[in-house]
Protein backbone atom coordinates (compact mmCIF):
# COMPACT_ATOMS: atom_id res chain seq x y z
CA UNK A 1 -5.03 7.03 41.60
CA UNK A 2 -3.61 3.57 42.39
CA UNK A 3 -7.29 2.07 43.15
CA UNK A 4 -8.41 3.80 39.50
CA UNK A 5 -5.64 1.77 37.67
CA UNK A 6 -6.43 -1.43 39.51
CA UNK A 7 -10.26 -1.19 37.88
CA UNK A 8 -8.65 -0.85 34.41
CA UNK A 9 -9.73 -3.62 32.19
CA UNK A 10 -6.75 -5.94 31.22
CA UNK A 11 -5.85 -5.48 27.56
CA UNK A 12 -7.62 -7.85 25.42
CA UNK A 13 -6.63 -9.15 21.48
CA UNK A 14 -8.74 -11.02 18.92
CA UNK A 15 -7.75 -14.54 18.88
CA UNK A 16 -7.68 -15.86 15.12
CA UNK A 17 -9.23 -19.28 16.01
CA UNK A 18 -12.66 -17.50 16.04
CA UNK A 19 -12.14 -16.59 12.26
CA UNK A 20 -11.84 -20.29 11.31
CA UNK A 21 -12.07 -20.28 7.57
CA UNK A 22 -13.97 -17.25 7.11
CA UNK A 23 -10.71 -14.95 6.11
CA UNK A 24 -10.11 -17.47 3.13
CA UNK A 25 -13.47 -17.39 2.13
CA UNK A 26 -13.77 -13.44 2.00
CA UNK A 27 -10.45 -13.48 0.11
CA UNK A 28 -11.56 -15.75 -2.28
CA UNK A 29 -15.10 -13.98 -2.58
CA UNK A 30 -13.16 -10.92 -3.07
CA UNK A 31 -11.08 -12.08 -5.64
CA UNK A 32 -13.95 -13.80 -7.75
CA UNK A 33 -16.66 -11.18 -7.31
CA UNK A 34 -13.88 -8.58 -8.41
CA UNK A 35 -12.77 -10.58 -11.46
CA UNK A 36 -16.43 -11.13 -12.39
CA UNK A 37 -17.16 -7.48 -12.00
CA UNK A 38 -14.45 -6.85 -14.64
CA UNK A 39 -16.01 -9.30 -17.11
CA UNK A 40 -19.44 -8.15 -16.48
CA UNK A 41 -17.99 -4.31 -16.64
CA UNK A 42 -16.44 -4.84 -20.21
CA UNK A 43 -19.90 -6.38 -21.56
CA UNK A 44 -21.85 -3.38 -19.98
CA UNK A 45 -19.92 -0.59 -19.08
CA UNK A 46 -22.92 1.57 -18.33
CA UNK A 47 -24.19 -0.92 -15.76
CA UNK A 48 -20.79 -1.49 -14.07
CA UNK A 49 -20.47 2.68 -13.83
CA UNK A 50 -23.41 3.14 -11.91
CA UNK A 51 -23.44 -0.40 -10.00
CA UNK A 52 -19.79 0.52 -8.77
CA UNK A 53 -20.69 3.67 -8.07
CA UNK A 54 -23.58 2.74 -6.11
CA UNK A 55 -21.53 -0.04 -3.95
CA UNK A 56 -18.42 2.66 -3.43
CA UNK A 57 -20.76 5.35 -1.77
CA UNK A 58 -22.67 2.93 0.14
CA UNK A 59 -19.42 1.86 1.93
CA UNK A 60 -17.62 5.32 1.65
CA UNK A 61 -20.62 6.70 3.64
CA UNK A 62 -20.37 3.97 6.34
CA UNK A 63 -16.46 4.38 6.56
CA UNK A 64 -17.02 8.53 6.62
CA UNK A 65 -19.68 7.82 9.50
CA UNK A 66 -17.04 6.05 11.60
CA UNK A 67 -14.60 8.56 11.08
CA UNK A 68 -17.17 10.94 12.51
CA UNK A 69 -18.02 9.46 15.47
CA UNK A 70 -14.01 9.08 16.37
CA UNK A 71 -13.82 12.68 15.59
CA UNK A 72 -16.69 13.48 17.93
CA UNK A 73 -15.46 11.49 20.40
CA UNK A 74 -12.20 13.32 20.83
CA UNK A 75 -13.80 16.70 20.28
CA UNK A 76 -16.17 16.32 22.94
CA UNK A 77 -13.78 14.31 25.26
CA UNK A 78 -16.43 11.25 25.80
CA UNK A 79 -15.94 8.44 27.93
CA UNK A 80 -18.64 6.12 26.90
CA UNK A 81 -17.49 5.24 23.57
CA UNK A 82 -13.85 4.38 24.54
CA UNK A 83 -14.62 0.64 24.28
CA UNK A 84 -16.06 0.89 20.63
CA UNK A 85 -13.40 3.28 19.70
CA UNK A 86 -10.75 1.15 18.50
CA UNK A 87 -13.18 -0.53 16.12
CA UNK A 88 -14.53 2.76 14.78
CA UNK A 89 -10.58 3.71 14.15
CA UNK A 90 -10.23 0.24 12.38
CA UNK A 91 -13.18 0.95 10.07
CA UNK A 92 -12.39 4.61 9.04
CA UNK A 93 -8.92 3.62 8.50
CA UNK A 94 -9.96 1.36 5.60
CA UNK A 95 -10.78 4.73 3.69
CA UNK A 96 -7.38 4.74 1.63
CA UNK A 97 -8.44 1.04 0.41
CA UNK A 98 -11.77 2.17 -0.48
CA UNK A 99 -10.49 4.76 -2.70
CA UNK A 100 -8.11 2.49 -4.66
CA UNK A 101 -11.36 0.16 -5.27
CA UNK A 102 -12.93 3.42 -6.41
CA UNK A 103 -10.63 4.06 -9.25
CA UNK A 104 -12.21 2.02 -11.90
CA UNK A 105 -14.69 5.23 -11.86
CA UNK A 106 -11.82 7.06 -13.49
CA UNK A 107 -12.34 5.09 -16.42
CA UNK A 108 -16.12 5.39 -16.68
CA UNK A 109 -16.70 8.67 -15.30
CA UNK A 110 -18.47 10.41 -18.50
CA UNK A 111 -20.95 7.70 -18.39
CA UNK A 112 -21.91 8.81 -14.75
CA UNK A 113 -21.47 12.46 -14.94
CA UNK A 114 -22.98 13.46 -18.21
CA UNK A 115 -21.56 16.72 -17.99
CA UNK A 116 -18.22 15.75 -18.57
CA UNK A 117 -19.21 14.48 -22.26
CA UNK A 118 -20.71 17.84 -22.98
CA UNK A 119 -19.24 21.10 -24.05
CA UNK A 120 -19.91 24.60 -22.45
CA UNK A 121 -19.51 25.89 -25.92
CA UNK A 122 -22.74 24.23 -27.29
CA UNK A 123 -24.35 24.22 -23.74
CA UNK A 124 -25.49 27.30 -21.99
CA UNK A 125 -26.44 26.00 -18.75
CA UNK A 126 -23.12 23.96 -18.42
CA UNK A 127 -21.08 27.36 -19.70
CA UNK A 128 -22.67 29.19 -16.49
CA UNK A 129 -21.31 26.56 -14.39
CA UNK A 130 -17.86 25.72 -16.24
CA UNK A 131 -15.79 27.19 -13.55
CA UNK A 132 -16.81 24.80 -11.23
CA UNK A 133 -18.11 21.90 -13.31
CA UNK A 134 -14.83 21.21 -15.51
CA UNK A 135 -12.87 17.73 -15.31
CA UNK A 136 -9.58 19.05 -13.91
CA UNK A 137 -11.40 20.96 -11.07
CA UNK A 138 -13.80 17.81 -10.46
CA UNK A 139 -10.80 15.67 -9.79
CA UNK A 140 -8.38 17.96 -8.06
CA UNK A 141 -11.31 18.46 -5.71
CA UNK A 142 -11.79 14.57 -5.48
CA UNK A 143 -8.23 14.05 -4.41
CA UNK A 144 -8.52 16.47 -1.87
CA UNK A 145 -11.71 15.19 -0.33
CA UNK A 146 -10.15 11.61 -0.15
CA UNK A 147 -6.66 12.77 0.96
CA UNK A 148 -8.16 14.54 3.96
CA UNK A 149 -10.42 12.02 4.99
CA UNK A 150 -7.61 9.43 4.99
CA UNK A 151 -5.05 11.20 6.40
CA UNK A 152 -7.65 12.30 9.47
CA UNK A 153 -8.50 8.60 9.65
CA UNK A 154 -4.76 7.13 9.56
CA UNK A 155 -3.46 10.03 12.21
CA UNK A 156 -6.04 9.40 14.86
CA UNK A 157 -5.73 5.64 14.60
CA UNK A 158 -1.94 5.92 14.86
CA UNK A 159 -1.89 8.11 17.67
CA UNK A 160 -4.41 5.86 19.22
CA UNK A 161 -2.09 2.83 18.92
CA UNK A 162 1.04 4.90 19.91
CA UNK A 163 -0.89 5.50 23.27
CA UNK A 164 -1.34 1.56 23.60
CA UNK A 165 2.24 1.47 23.92
CA UNK A 166 3.40 4.37 26.11
CA UNK A 167 0.22 5.33 27.90
CA UNK A 168 1.33 9.39 27.41
CA UNK A 169 -1.81 11.34 27.43
CA UNK A 170 -0.15 13.91 24.92
CA UNK A 171 -1.65 11.51 22.29
CA UNK A 172 -4.96 12.01 23.52
CA UNK A 173 -4.40 15.81 23.30
CA UNK A 174 -2.94 15.45 19.63
CA UNK A 175 -6.29 13.63 18.62
CA UNK A 176 -8.17 16.28 20.27
CA UNK A 177 -6.63 18.77 18.51
CA UNK A 178 -6.89 16.69 15.02
CA UNK A 179 -10.69 16.58 15.78
CA UNK A 180 -11.03 20.03 16.48
CA UNK A 181 -9.68 20.73 12.74
CA UNK A 182 -11.54 17.62 11.27
CA UNK A 183 -15.30 18.88 12.58
CA UNK A 184 -15.21 22.10 10.20
CA UNK A 185 -13.06 21.14 7.29
CA UNK A 186 -14.88 17.73 7.17
CA UNK A 187 -18.25 18.97 7.25
CA UNK A 188 -17.59 21.38 4.22
CA UNK A 189 -15.52 18.59 2.24
CA UNK A 190 -18.40 16.21 2.80
CA UNK A 191 -20.85 18.13 1.72
CA UNK A 192 -19.10 19.23 -1.41
CA UNK A 193 -18.17 15.86 -2.04
CA UNK A 194 -22.06 14.66 -1.79
CA UNK A 195 -22.41 17.69 -4.68
CA UNK A 196 -19.83 16.71 -6.90
CA UNK A 197 -20.25 12.70 -6.81
CA UNK A 198 -24.08 12.00 -5.94
CA UNK A 199 -25.97 15.36 -6.91
CA UNK A 200 -23.77 15.74 -9.90
CA UNK A 201 -25.18 12.67 -11.44
CA UNK A 202 -28.32 15.30 -11.99
CA UNK A 203 -26.01 18.21 -12.53
CA UNK A 204 -28.87 20.68 -13.46
CA UNK A 205 -30.57 19.57 -10.08
CA UNK A 206 -29.51 21.27 -6.68
CA UNK A 207 -30.54 21.47 -3.03
CA UNK A 208 -29.01 23.35 -0.28
CA UNK A 209 -29.21 20.48 2.40
CA UNK A 210 -28.22 17.68 0.04
CA UNK A 211 -24.82 17.55 2.25
CA UNK A 212 -26.73 17.42 5.66
CA UNK A 213 -28.78 14.32 4.16
CA UNK A 214 -25.89 12.40 2.92
CA UNK A 215 -24.13 13.10 6.51
CA UNK A 216 -27.18 11.89 8.38
CA UNK A 217 -27.47 8.71 6.24
CA UNK A 218 -23.49 8.38 7.29
CA UNK A 219 -23.71 8.74 10.82
CA UNK A 220 -26.69 6.27 11.21
CA UNK A 221 -25.46 3.59 8.81
CA UNK A 222 -21.72 3.59 10.83
CA UNK A 223 -23.72 3.45 13.88
CA UNK A 224 -25.63 0.21 12.83
CA UNK A 225 -22.33 -1.18 11.61
CA UNK A 226 -20.53 -0.70 14.99
CA UNK A 227 -23.60 -2.03 16.75
CA UNK A 228 -23.62 -5.18 14.70
CA UNK A 229 -19.79 -5.57 15.04
CA UNK A 230 -19.91 -5.06 18.81
CA UNK A 231 -22.84 -7.73 19.00
CA UNK A 232 -20.40 -10.13 16.77
CA UNK A 233 -17.60 -9.81 19.35
CA UNK A 234 -19.52 -9.89 22.50
CA UNK A 235 -21.05 -13.16 21.28
CA UNK A 236 -17.53 -14.55 20.71
CA UNK A 237 -16.25 -13.37 24.27
CA UNK A 238 -15.10 -10.24 23.72
CA UNK A 239 -15.46 -6.77 24.69
CA UNK A 240 -17.47 -7.71 27.98
CA UNK A 241 -15.12 -5.49 30.47
CA UNK A 242 -15.97 -2.41 28.33
CA UNK A 243 -19.58 -2.64 27.20
CA UNK A 244 -22.36 -3.08 29.57
CA UNK A 245 -26.08 -3.09 29.34
CA UNK A 246 -25.98 0.71 29.67
CA UNK A 247 -24.15 0.89 26.34
CA UNK A 248 -27.15 -0.68 24.86
CA UNK A 249 -29.31 2.01 25.80
CA UNK A 250 -26.98 4.61 24.72
CA UNK A 251 -26.85 2.75 21.12
CA UNK A 252 -30.67 2.64 21.42
CA UNK A 253 -31.06 6.27 21.87
CA UNK A 254 -28.39 7.26 19.03
CA UNK A 255 -30.29 5.28 16.75
CA UNK A 256 -33.70 6.78 17.74
CA UNK A 257 -32.18 10.26 17.50
CA UNK A 258 -30.50 9.91 14.21
CA UNK A 259 -33.63 8.03 12.73
CA UNK A 260 -35.54 11.03 13.74
CA UNK A 261 -32.76 13.36 12.41
CA UNK A 262 -32.35 11.78 8.79
CA UNK A 263 -36.38 11.63 8.45
CA UNK A 264 -36.64 15.49 9.39
CA UNK A 265 -33.76 16.20 6.81
CA UNK A 266 -35.47 13.98 4.12
CA UNK A 267 -38.93 15.81 4.84
CA UNK A 268 -37.64 19.28 4.97
CA UNK A 269 -35.87 18.87 1.56
CA UNK A 270 -38.84 17.28 -0.23
CA UNK A 271 -41.17 19.51 1.65
CA UNK A 272 -39.49 22.83 0.29
CA UNK A 273 -39.12 21.59 -3.19
CA UNK A 274 -42.61 20.19 -3.56
CA UNK A 275 -43.93 23.81 -2.26
CA UNK A 276 -41.43 25.88 -4.36
CA UNK A 277 -42.50 23.62 -7.37
CA UNK A 278 -39.53 24.78 -9.64
CA UNK A 279 -38.79 22.46 -12.38
CA UNK A 280 -35.18 22.30 -12.15
CA UNK A 281 -35.45 21.29 -8.44
CA UNK A 282 -38.33 18.99 -8.83
CA UNK A 283 -36.42 16.79 -11.42
CA UNK A 284 -35.05 14.72 -8.79
CA UNK A 285 -38.21 13.90 -7.17
CA UNK A 286 -40.07 13.44 -10.41
CA UNK A 287 -37.81 10.97 -11.45
CA UNK A 288 -37.90 8.89 -8.03
CA UNK A 289 -41.80 9.15 -7.68
CA UNK A 290 -42.38 7.70 -11.45
CA UNK A 291 -43.27 4.00 -12.29
CA UNK A 292 -42.04 1.36 -9.55
CA UNK A 293 -39.21 3.56 -8.26
CA UNK A 294 -42.44 5.05 -6.42
CA UNK A 295 -42.67 1.80 -4.67
CA UNK A 296 -39.12 1.87 -3.34
CA UNK A 297 -39.59 5.28 -1.89
CA UNK A 298 -42.84 4.17 -0.12
CA UNK A 299 -40.51 1.43 1.26
CA UNK A 300 -37.93 3.84 2.22
CA UNK A 301 -40.18 6.06 3.98
CA UNK A 302 -41.58 3.18 6.21
CA UNK A 303 -38.78 1.29 6.68
CA UNK A 304 -36.14 4.10 7.33
CA UNK A 305 -38.46 5.97 9.53
CA UNK A 306 -41.67 4.76 10.66
CA UNK A 307 -40.74 0.87 11.72
CA UNK A 308 -37.38 1.90 13.54
CA UNK A 309 -39.10 4.87 15.50
CA UNK A 310 -42.07 2.78 16.80
CA UNK A 311 -39.51 -0.02 17.90
CA UNK A 312 -37.08 2.33 19.38
CA UNK A 313 -39.48 4.45 21.29
CA UNK A 314 -39.50 2.23 24.30
CA UNK A 315 -36.39 1.91 26.74
CA UNK A 316 -36.90 -1.66 27.81
CA UNK A 317 -36.17 -3.52 24.37
CA UNK A 318 -33.11 -1.54 23.88
CA UNK A 319 -31.29 -3.52 26.66
CA UNK A 320 -31.25 -6.65 24.56
CA UNK A 321 -28.15 -6.55 22.07
CA UNK A 322 -30.26 -8.96 20.04
CA UNK A 323 -32.84 -6.61 19.56
CA UNK A 324 -30.72 -3.64 18.67
CA UNK A 325 -29.00 -5.93 16.42
CA UNK A 326 -31.94 -6.61 14.26
CA UNK A 327 -32.88 -3.07 14.39
CA UNK A 328 -29.45 -1.86 12.93
CA UNK A 329 -29.30 -4.53 10.51
CA UNK A 330 -32.92 -3.30 9.15
CA UNK A 331 -31.62 0.30 9.25
CA UNK A 332 -28.45 -0.55 7.57
CA UNK A 333 -30.75 -2.30 4.64
CA UNK A 334 -32.73 0.73 4.14
CA UNK A 335 -29.42 2.95 4.07
CA UNK A 336 -28.32 0.52 1.17
CA UNK A 337 -32.01 1.43 -0.56
CA UNK A 338 -31.29 5.15 0.06
CA UNK A 339 -28.06 5.16 -1.65
CA UNK A 340 -29.67 2.97 -4.47
CA UNK A 341 -32.59 5.12 -5.13
CA UNK A 342 -30.18 8.33 -5.31
CA UNK A 343 -28.04 6.69 -8.17
CA UNK A 344 -29.61 3.94 -10.37
CA UNK A 345 -32.64 5.95 -11.37
CA UNK A 346 -30.36 8.22 -13.44
CA UNK A 347 -29.43 4.87 -15.37
CA UNK A 348 -33.02 3.71 -15.43
CA UNK A 349 -35.41 6.08 -15.58
CA UNK A 350 -38.40 4.19 -16.48
CA UNK A 351 -38.53 2.02 -13.43
CA UNK A 352 -36.70 -0.40 -10.99
CA UNK A 353 -34.11 -2.60 -13.24
CA UNK A 354 -32.09 -4.59 -10.86
CA UNK A 355 -28.68 -5.95 -12.37
CA UNK A 356 -26.52 -8.81 -11.25
CA UNK A 357 -23.76 -6.25 -11.35
CA UNK A 358 -25.38 -4.49 -8.68
CA UNK A 359 -25.03 -7.52 -6.17
CA UNK A 360 -21.65 -8.10 -7.82
CA UNK A 361 -20.19 -4.94 -6.84
CA UNK A 362 -21.32 -4.84 -3.24
CA UNK A 363 -20.07 -8.39 -2.93
CA UNK A 364 -16.55 -7.31 -4.49
CA UNK A 365 -16.12 -4.13 -2.39
CA UNK A 366 -17.83 -5.50 0.70
CA UNK A 367 -15.86 -8.57 1.03
CA UNK A 368 -12.39 -7.02 0.08
CA UNK A 369 -12.93 -4.48 2.86
CA UNK A 370 -14.21 -7.41 5.47
CA UNK A 371 -11.13 -9.28 4.66
CA UNK A 372 -8.53 -6.51 5.26
CA UNK A 373 -10.56 -5.48 8.65
CA UNK A 374 -10.71 -9.09 9.65
CA UNK A 375 -6.72 -9.44 9.19
CA UNK A 376 -6.41 -6.01 11.07
CA UNK A 377 -8.54 -7.19 14.16
CA UNK A 378 -5.92 -8.94 15.89
CA UNK A 379 -3.07 -6.72 14.92
CA UNK A 380 -3.96 -4.39 18.06
CA UNK A 381 -5.76 -4.59 21.44
CA UNK A 382 -9.76 -4.61 20.80
CA UNK A 383 -10.29 -1.46 22.86
CA UNK A 384 -7.63 1.61 23.48
CA UNK A 385 -5.67 -0.10 26.65
CA UNK A 386 -4.31 2.65 27.99
CA UNK A 387 -6.63 5.69 27.29
CA UNK A 388 -7.03 7.64 30.13
CA UNK A 389 -10.93 7.51 30.09
CA UNK A 390 -10.95 3.64 30.15
CA UNK A 391 -11.80 3.25 33.59
CA UNK A 392 -15.04 5.64 33.21
CA UNK A 393 -16.15 3.90 30.06
CA UNK A 394 -15.97 0.28 31.79
CA UNK A 395 -17.97 1.48 34.49
CA UNK A 396 -20.43 3.91 32.44
CA UNK A 397 -24.09 4.21 33.76
CA UNK A 398 -26.68 5.76 31.58
């Protein structure tokens, strides 16, 4: 036991001298972009509603994906991911802040979800779904989704930080129990969130695997973010005690696996709807294969599947952190395009119509989250300093 303890990496904390003026710049950017979003939103409420929804869903899926990796880490008692777990915890714990940033959607909800502006008394289709599609129940479900994910993220991080102080194994056991609860309930709640918030934009349309499709995008996009973050920290001289070249191989294999998983789910959903050719089901793809939306769909297929699949097939390049960083950045951009094509065609059915508010909303929410994350980065060790699996993680071999 003594020899194992001697091999443990010493705790490492982030030095804010590496931030320079970035934190102040992020704060200024966040403030200016938030104010600009309000001004532009008052002038164009419809565009604001969809742009804010687009940006919010993009960042929500990333943070949910980070929470997924933390939960899986504890559920399967993984060792290799201990070195990156603290940053996954820090990202997932931004969920309560993101929920606050999503509050403006309360005021523009009828512009997003058209069923809210209709009456079941005059709409036969809505009347059949009124038990589920009613405003009070919708917001109650939304509150449950957000509360559950936020509490799970905060509890997991709290226990992890508590273990840094006393080193007690009970914190690992508690997190494992939380993970066992979060796996089934989280899967159900994420599925229903995707039905309510994104599928609900086309409330007459349905897909039984929509929740899995959203999960696939969440998992791979969050993996891309942690790869980029790990690369940034390592280039600044951090994490070198707990992340090795073997971790790059693991990241690369996971990227390839989830690229295939996302592609398979996307293909199955499209193929089954195309084959059945039921008007109520084909409406989603009919809208997104018209005019210039079709071009974006082709870019998505090539960029989200074909390019990363071919580049990640070979083992050698995956040893390079720079190579993985480029691929991760590319896939993250494709996830952004994926979310965009889910939401904005509802507002612009005649074709791709970029708006300043799309960019401003991304900048406002993204810079706010980034500023808070950067402030939190130095508040605790960069990895779980007294996790019982730390020695195994630092000596991980693929």
